[in-house]
Amino acid sequence: MNDRRILDPVLLASDVRVDEDGVPGCEGLSFRTKGEHVLVLGAPRALFLAAVGLRPVVRGALTVRGVAADEAVGYGLIAGAALDPPLPPRWTVHEYVEWSARLSGAPPAEAKSVAAGAIARLKLEPMAKTRLSMLVPHARRATVVAAALAASTEIVALEDPLGGLPEEVAASYGAVLLEALADRAWLVFAPRIALTSPFARAAEDALVLSATRVDGQGPPAELASTPAPGKTEHQALRWIARLDGALEPVREALAARGSSLEEQGAHVLLDLAAGTTTSELAAICAAADVAILELMPVSRPIARAFL
């Protein structure tokens, strides 16, 4: 791996907008991932598709290891494993995975070897000659992941790899996936995830997103243990807001009270110091001629991201 690139985050977004069917799928997202193994929870599918080069970024910047996402696939930085994509029913597992290796530039002889290695990682050797139409759901998903591994990229992005699977199957299949990805950086995009998931236990960072904002970021266990609003002083004082007006006077007034305001795309993250109430926040905004359009405790969307 390039020594310079390892210093760049796996995924970095700056005021990103990605469209789906001509309308914004996500808009105003700004974040920087931490660590090599990251959960991205609650984000619209448009963000996953943009991260793996399948949707253009309409506005802002989305980079993978410092390279624009739409170029990162060509540089061999990232490959995606989408959730249950259509597969050619008459192809075998080996044919499909080898095809992925060929598409990534491997010569024919090398592609066969790379495909065999990827299939072995996913414990699919007994099914290597099985037609894709005959596979059970988690084996089909494993084949898609094997195809992503066969692209020989630094990073693999997976779309909800355990979603909808029975609990026992998800646990065993998740362990196989995690072992297969042991030497890769990975991003797991999912609406929600169980804390007992192998990915939740292994992730160093988790982002909880909506279409327009970052609701939380941190190690999964810490985020999931965030109490409901009002149960602790700290969490009751952290809010996501949408404000209309010049923010600098509000920022300065809050700073004078030991509080902070951080812009996150179209929204702001407010950390209010102990003793500062939302009524005082409203007064500060009114004095600065800033309207509060939305105000929500951070912990509410975070709670929805974990099973």
Protein backbone atom coordinates (compact mmCIF):
# COMPACT_ATOMS: atom_id res chain seq x y z
CA MET A 1 0.00 0.00 0.00
CA ASN A 2 1.27 3.47 -0.84
CA ASP A 3 2.75 5.00 2.37
CA ARG A 4 1.21 8.37 1.61
CA ARG A 5 -2.23 6.97 0.96
CA ILE A 6 -2.36 5.12 4.27
CA LEU A 7 -2.34 8.55 5.92
CA ASP A 8 -5.49 9.49 4.02
CA PRO A 9 -8.85 8.38 5.43
CA VAL A 10 -10.59 5.43 3.85
CA LEU A 11 -13.48 7.75 2.98
CA LEU A 12 -13.72 11.54 3.16
CA ALA A 13 -16.78 13.60 2.25
CA SER A 14 -16.98 17.36 1.93
CA ASP A 15 -20.44 18.87 1.33
CA VAL A 16 -21.32 15.88 -0.86
CA ARG A 17 -24.42 15.63 -2.99
CA VAL A 18 -25.26 12.47 -4.92
CA ASP A 19 -28.45 12.19 -6.97
CA GLU A 20 -30.75 9.22 -7.56
CA ASP A 21 -33.24 9.40 -10.42
CA GLY A 22 -32.62 13.12 -10.78
CA VAL A 23 -33.25 14.05 -7.14
CA PRO A 24 -30.76 14.31 -4.26
CA GLY A 25 -30.15 10.97 -2.59
CA CYS A 26 -27.84 12.64 -0.11
CA GLU A 27 -26.88 16.28 0.18
CA GLY A 28 -24.54 18.35 2.33
CA LEU A 29 -22.72 15.40 3.92
CA SER A 30 -19.29 16.10 5.39
CA PHE A 31 -17.27 13.55 7.36
CA ARG A 32 -13.88 11.89 7.72
CA THR A 33 -13.61 8.22 8.64
CA LYS A 34 -11.15 7.03 11.26
CA GLY A 35 -9.33 3.72 11.17
CA GLU A 36 -9.29 1.00 8.56
CA HIS A 37 -12.56 -0.78 9.42
CA VAL A 38 -15.63 1.42 9.35
CA LEU A 39 -19.40 1.07 9.65
CA VAL A 40 -21.54 3.56 7.71
CA LEU A 41 -25.03 3.30 9.17
CA GLY A 42 -28.28 4.85 7.98
CA ALA A 43 -26.86 6.47 4.85
CA PRO A 44 -28.87 6.48 1.61
CA ARG A 45 -27.78 3.88 -0.94
CA ALA A 46 -26.58 6.73 -3.14
CA LEU A 47 -23.55 7.19 -0.88
CA PHE A 48 -22.49 3.55 -1.23
CA LEU A 49 -22.90 3.73 -5.00
CA ALA A 50 -20.83 6.92 -5.17
CA ALA A 51 -18.10 5.44 -2.96
CA VAL A 52 -17.63 2.53 -5.37
CA GLY A 53 -17.77 4.70 -8.48
CA LEU A 54 -21.29 3.79 -9.64
CA ARG A 55 -22.86 7.23 -9.11
CA PRO A 56 -21.30 10.61 -9.86
CA VAL A 57 -20.84 13.21 -7.16
CA VAL A 58 -22.95 16.19 -8.21
CA ARG A 59 -21.47 18.63 -5.71
CA GLY A 60 -18.66 18.61 -3.19
CA ALA A 61 -15.92 16.00 -2.93
CA LEU A 62 -15.91 12.31 -2.01
CA THR A 63 -12.47 10.72 -1.82
CA VAL A 64 -11.13 7.22 -1.17
CA ARG A 65 -7.61 7.34 0.24
CA GLY A 66 -7.35 10.88 -1.10
CA VAL A 67 -8.44 9.94 -4.64
CA ALA A 68 -11.78 11.04 -6.11
CA ALA A 69 -14.24 8.17 -5.67
CA ASP A 70 -15.06 7.99 -9.39
CA GLU A 71 -11.35 7.39 -10.10
CA ALA A 72 -10.54 5.16 -7.13
CA VAL A 73 -11.83 1.95 -8.74
CA GLY A 74 -9.53 2.46 -11.72
CA TYR A 75 -6.59 3.00 -9.38
CA GLY A 76 -7.26 -0.32 -7.68
CA LEU A 77 -8.19 1.32 -4.40
CA ILE A 78 -11.74 0.10 -3.82
CA ALA A 79 -14.17 -2.57 -4.97
CA GLY A 80 -17.81 -2.87 -4.02
CA ALA A 81 -19.98 -5.83 -3.06
CA ALA A 82 -23.56 -4.68 -3.60
CA LEU A 83 -26.49 -6.28 -1.79
CA ASP A 84 -28.03 -9.09 -3.85
CA PRO A 85 -27.29 -7.75 -7.36
CA PRO A 86 -28.61 -9.66 -10.38
CA LEU A 87 -26.19 -12.45 -11.33
CA PRO A 88 -25.92 -14.41 -14.60
CA PRO A 89 -27.85 -17.55 -13.60
CA ARG A 90 -26.01 -20.00 -15.86
CA TRP A 91 -22.53 -18.92 -14.80
CA THR A 92 -20.68 -20.88 -12.15
CA VAL A 93 -19.18 -19.34 -9.03
CA HIS A 94 -15.66 -19.66 -10.46
CA GLU A 95 -16.65 -18.13 -13.80
CA TYR A 96 -18.19 -15.10 -12.10
CA VAL A 97 -15.25 -14.48 -9.76
CA GLU A 98 -12.71 -15.03 -12.55
CA TRP A 99 -14.61 -12.55 -14.72
CA SER A 100 -14.18 -9.95 -11.97
CA ALA A 101 -10.44 -10.60 -11.85
CA ARG A 102 -10.23 -10.25 -15.65
CA LEU A 103 -12.17 -6.97 -15.55
CA SER A 104 -9.63 -5.68 -13.04
CA GLY A 105 -6.81 -6.29 -15.50
CA ALA A 106 -5.46 -9.70 -14.51
CA PRO A 107 -4.18 -11.84 -17.42
CA PRO A 108 -6.18 -15.04 -18.04
CA ALA A 109 -3.86 -17.46 -16.22
CA GLU A 110 -3.45 -15.11 -13.28
CA ALA A 111 -7.20 -14.44 -13.15
CA LYS A 112 -7.88 -18.15 -12.64
CA SER A 113 -5.45 -18.26 -9.74
CA VAL A 114 -6.78 -15.05 -8.18
CA ALA A 115 -10.35 -16.33 -8.48
CA ALA A 116 -9.44 -19.62 -6.82
CA GLY A 117 -7.83 -17.75 -3.94
CA ALA A 118 -10.85 -15.48 -3.44
CA ILE A 119 -13.23 -18.45 -3.56
CA ALA A 120 -11.13 -20.25 -0.95
CA ARG A 121 -11.25 -17.23 1.36
CA LEU A 122 -15.04 -17.31 1.30
CA LYS A 123 -15.14 -21.09 1.90
CA LEU A 124 -16.83 -21.56 -1.48
CA GLU A 125 -14.57 -24.28 -2.90
CA PRO A 126 -17.29 -26.99 -2.74
CA MET A 127 -19.54 -24.71 -4.82
CA ALA A 128 -16.95 -23.41 -7.28
CA LYS A 129 -18.59 -25.23 -10.21
CA THR A 130 -22.17 -24.61 -9.05
CA ARG A 131 -24.39 -22.39 -11.16
CA LEU A 132 -25.24 -19.10 -9.50
CA SER A 133 -28.97 -19.77 -9.81
CA MET A 134 -28.59 -22.81 -7.54
CA LEU A 135 -26.93 -21.05 -4.59
CA VAL A 136 -28.57 -20.29 -1.26
CA PRO A 137 -28.78 -16.55 -0.43
CA HIS A 138 -25.69 -16.23 1.75
CA ALA A 139 -23.60 -18.24 -0.75
CA ARG A 140 -24.72 -15.84 -3.50
CA ARG A 141 -23.63 -12.94 -1.31
CA ALA A 142 -20.32 -14.66 -0.61
CA THR A 143 -19.79 -15.01 -4.36
CA VAL A 144 -20.28 -11.27 -4.83
CA VAL A 145 -17.75 -10.58 -2.06
CA ALA A 146 -15.32 -13.06 -3.62
CA ALA A 147 -15.63 -11.15 -6.89
CA ALA A 148 -14.78 -7.93 -5.04
CA LEU A 149 -11.75 -9.59 -3.44
CA ALA A 150 -10.66 -10.86 -6.86
CA ALA A 151 -10.33 -7.23 -7.95
CA SER A 152 -7.30 -7.12 -5.60
CA THR A 153 -8.07 -3.67 -4.18
CA GLU A 154 -6.90 -2.10 -0.92
CA ILE A 155 -10.47 -1.48 0.30
CA VAL A 156 -13.69 -3.45 -0.01
CA ALA A 157 -17.05 -1.73 0.48
CA LEU A 158 -19.93 -4.05 1.39
CA GLU A 159 -23.61 -3.17 1.22
CA ASP A 160 -25.56 -4.62 4.16
CA PRO A 161 -23.82 -8.01 3.90
CA LEU A 162 -25.76 -9.61 6.77
CA GLY A 163 -29.11 -7.89 6.21
CA GLY A 164 -32.15 -10.15 6.19
CA LEU A 165 -30.26 -13.34 7.02
CA PRO A 166 -31.37 -15.61 9.88
CA GLU A 167 -29.46 -14.84 13.07
CA GLU A 168 -27.41 -18.04 13.13
CA VAL A 169 -26.54 -17.77 9.44
CA ALA A 170 -25.59 -14.11 9.84
CA ALA A 171 -23.25 -14.93 12.73
CA SER A 172 -21.40 -17.75 10.94
CA TYR A 173 -21.34 -16.02 7.55
CA GLY A 174 -20.19 -12.76 9.17
CA ALA A 175 -17.26 -14.57 10.78
CA VAL A 176 -16.27 -16.00 7.39
CA LEU A 177 -16.47 -12.55 5.80
CA LEU A 178 -14.39 -10.95 8.51
CA GLU A 179 -11.68 -13.59 8.15
CA ALA A 180 -11.70 -13.20 4.36
CA LEU A 181 -11.23 -9.44 4.72
CA ALA A 182 -8.46 -9.70 7.32
CA ASP A 183 -5.83 -8.05 5.12
CA ARG A 184 -8.10 -5.35 3.64
CA ALA A 185 -9.55 -2.11 4.83
CA TRP A 186 -13.34 -2.27 4.70
CA LEU A 187 -16.46 -0.17 4.77
CA VAL A 188 -19.79 -1.75 5.68
CA PHE A 189 -22.84 0.28 4.61
CA ALA A 190 -26.06 -0.80 6.33
CA PRO A 191 -29.30 0.74 7.59
CA ARG A 192 -28.74 -0.83 11.02
CA ILE A 193 -26.44 -3.40 12.57
CA ALA A 194 -26.50 -5.64 15.62
CA LEU A 195 -23.85 -4.97 18.24
CA THR A 196 -23.27 -8.72 18.29
CA SER A 197 -22.35 -8.66 14.58
CA PRO A 198 -18.72 -9.58 13.86
CA PHE A 199 -18.44 -6.32 11.93
CA ALA A 200 -19.67 -4.22 14.87
CA ARG A 201 -17.13 -5.88 17.15
CA ALA A 202 -14.27 -5.42 14.68
CA ALA A 203 -15.02 -1.87 13.47
CA GLU A 204 -12.81 0.92 14.77
CA ASP A 205 -15.22 3.63 13.70
CA ALA A 206 -18.93 3.99 13.02
CA LEU A 207 -20.74 6.83 11.31
CA VAL A 208 -24.47 7.30 11.80
CA LEU A 209 -25.79 9.32 8.86
CA SER A 210 -29.00 10.57 7.37
CA ALA A 211 -29.40 11.94 3.87
CA THR A 212 -28.24 15.39 4.98
CA ARG A 213 -26.18 15.14 8.16
CA VAL A 214 -23.85 13.21 10.43
CA ASP A 215 -25.76 12.21 13.56
CA GLY A 216 -22.84 10.61 15.34
CA GLN A 217 -19.37 9.12 14.98
CA GLY A 218 -17.20 6.94 17.18
CA PRO A 219 -16.49 3.34 18.19
CA PRO A 220 -19.70 1.30 17.77
CA ALA A 221 -20.03 0.21 21.40
CA GLU A 222 -19.66 3.78 22.62
CA LEU A 223 -22.22 5.12 20.16
CA ALA A 224 -24.71 2.37 20.91
CA SER A 225 -24.47 2.99 24.65
CA THR A 226 -25.46 6.64 24.24
CA PRO A 227 -28.38 7.11 26.66
CA ALA A 228 -31.72 8.54 25.67
CA PRO A 229 -32.03 12.34 25.85
CA GLY A 230 -32.12 13.63 29.41
CA LYS A 231 -30.68 10.50 31.05
CA THR A 232 -27.21 11.99 31.37
CA GLU A 233 -26.13 15.58 31.43
CA HIS A 234 -23.63 15.19 28.59
CA GLN A 235 -25.92 13.63 26.03
CA ALA A 236 -28.84 15.88 26.89
CA LEU A 237 -26.62 18.79 25.87
CA ARG A 238 -25.56 17.52 22.43
CA TRP A 239 -27.85 18.45 19.58
CA ILE A 240 -28.10 18.44 15.79
CA ALA A 241 -29.64 21.64 14.42
CA ARG A 242 -30.51 23.32 11.16
CA LEU A 243 -30.11 27.08 11.42
CA ASP A 244 -30.94 29.87 8.98
CA GLY A 245 -28.73 32.95 9.18
CA ALA A 246 -25.14 34.02 9.84
CA LEU A 247 -23.62 31.48 12.21
CA GLU A 248 -20.50 33.30 13.40
CA PRO A 249 -22.26 35.50 16.02
CA VAL A 250 -23.97 32.38 17.40
CA ARG A 251 -20.66 30.51 17.45
CA GLU A 252 -18.98 33.36 19.35
CA ALA A 253 -21.80 33.68 21.88
CA LEU A 254 -21.77 29.94 22.53
CA ALA A 255 -17.98 29.87 22.87
CA ALA A 256 -18.20 32.57 25.54
CA ARG A 257 -20.39 30.14 27.52
CA GLY A 258 -18.08 27.17 27.03
CA SER A 259 -20.23 25.68 24.27
CA SER A 260 -19.37 24.92 20.65
CA LEU A 261 -20.95 24.93 17.20
CA GLU A 262 -19.55 22.76 14.40
CA GLU A 263 -20.85 22.95 10.84
CA GLN A 264 -21.65 19.60 9.18
CA GLY A 265 -22.94 20.35 5.71
CA ALA A 266 -26.44 21.79 5.93
CA HIS A 267 -26.60 21.09 9.68
CA VAL A 268 -24.62 22.02 12.77
CA LEU A 269 -23.56 19.99 15.79
CA LEU A 270 -24.09 21.83 19.07
CA ASP A 271 -22.30 20.87 22.28
CA LEU A 272 -23.90 22.97 25.00
CA ALA A 273 -21.99 23.48 28.23
CA ALA A 274 -23.55 22.35 31.51
CA GLY A 275 -26.16 24.87 32.56
CA THR A 276 -26.87 26.13 29.04
CA THR A 277 -30.49 25.40 28.14
CA THR A 278 -32.22 25.24 24.79
CA SER A 279 -34.13 28.37 25.83
CA GLU A 280 -30.81 30.19 26.13
CA LEU A 281 -29.78 28.81 22.76
CA ALA A 282 -33.00 30.16 21.26
CA ALA A 283 -32.30 33.57 22.81
CA ILE A 284 -28.75 33.60 21.43
CA CYS A 285 -30.05 32.74 17.96
CA ALA A 286 -32.81 35.36 18.15
CA ALA A 287 -30.29 38.04 19.14
CA ALA A 288 -28.18 37.11 16.10
CA ASP A 289 -31.26 37.05 13.83
CA VAL A 290 -30.77 33.32 13.23
CA ALA A 291 -33.81 31.06 12.93
CA ILE A 292 -33.80 27.53 14.40
CA LEU A 293 -35.43 25.36 11.73
CA GLU A 294 -34.71 22.01 13.38
CA LEU A 295 -33.30 20.87 16.73
CA MET A 296 -32.89 17.20 17.68
CA PRO A 297 -30.91 15.31 20.36
CA VAL A 298 -28.00 13.43 18.85
CA SER A 299 -28.83 10.20 20.64
CA ARG A 300 -32.22 9.61 18.96
CA PRO A 301 -30.95 8.75 15.45
CA ILE A 302 -27.98 6.90 16.92
CA ALA A 303 -30.29 4.59 18.84
CA ARG A 304 -32.06 3.66 15.58
CA ALA A 305 -28.76 2.57 13.98
CA PHE A 306 -28.09 -0.35 16.33
CA LEU A 307 -30.20 -3.46 16.88
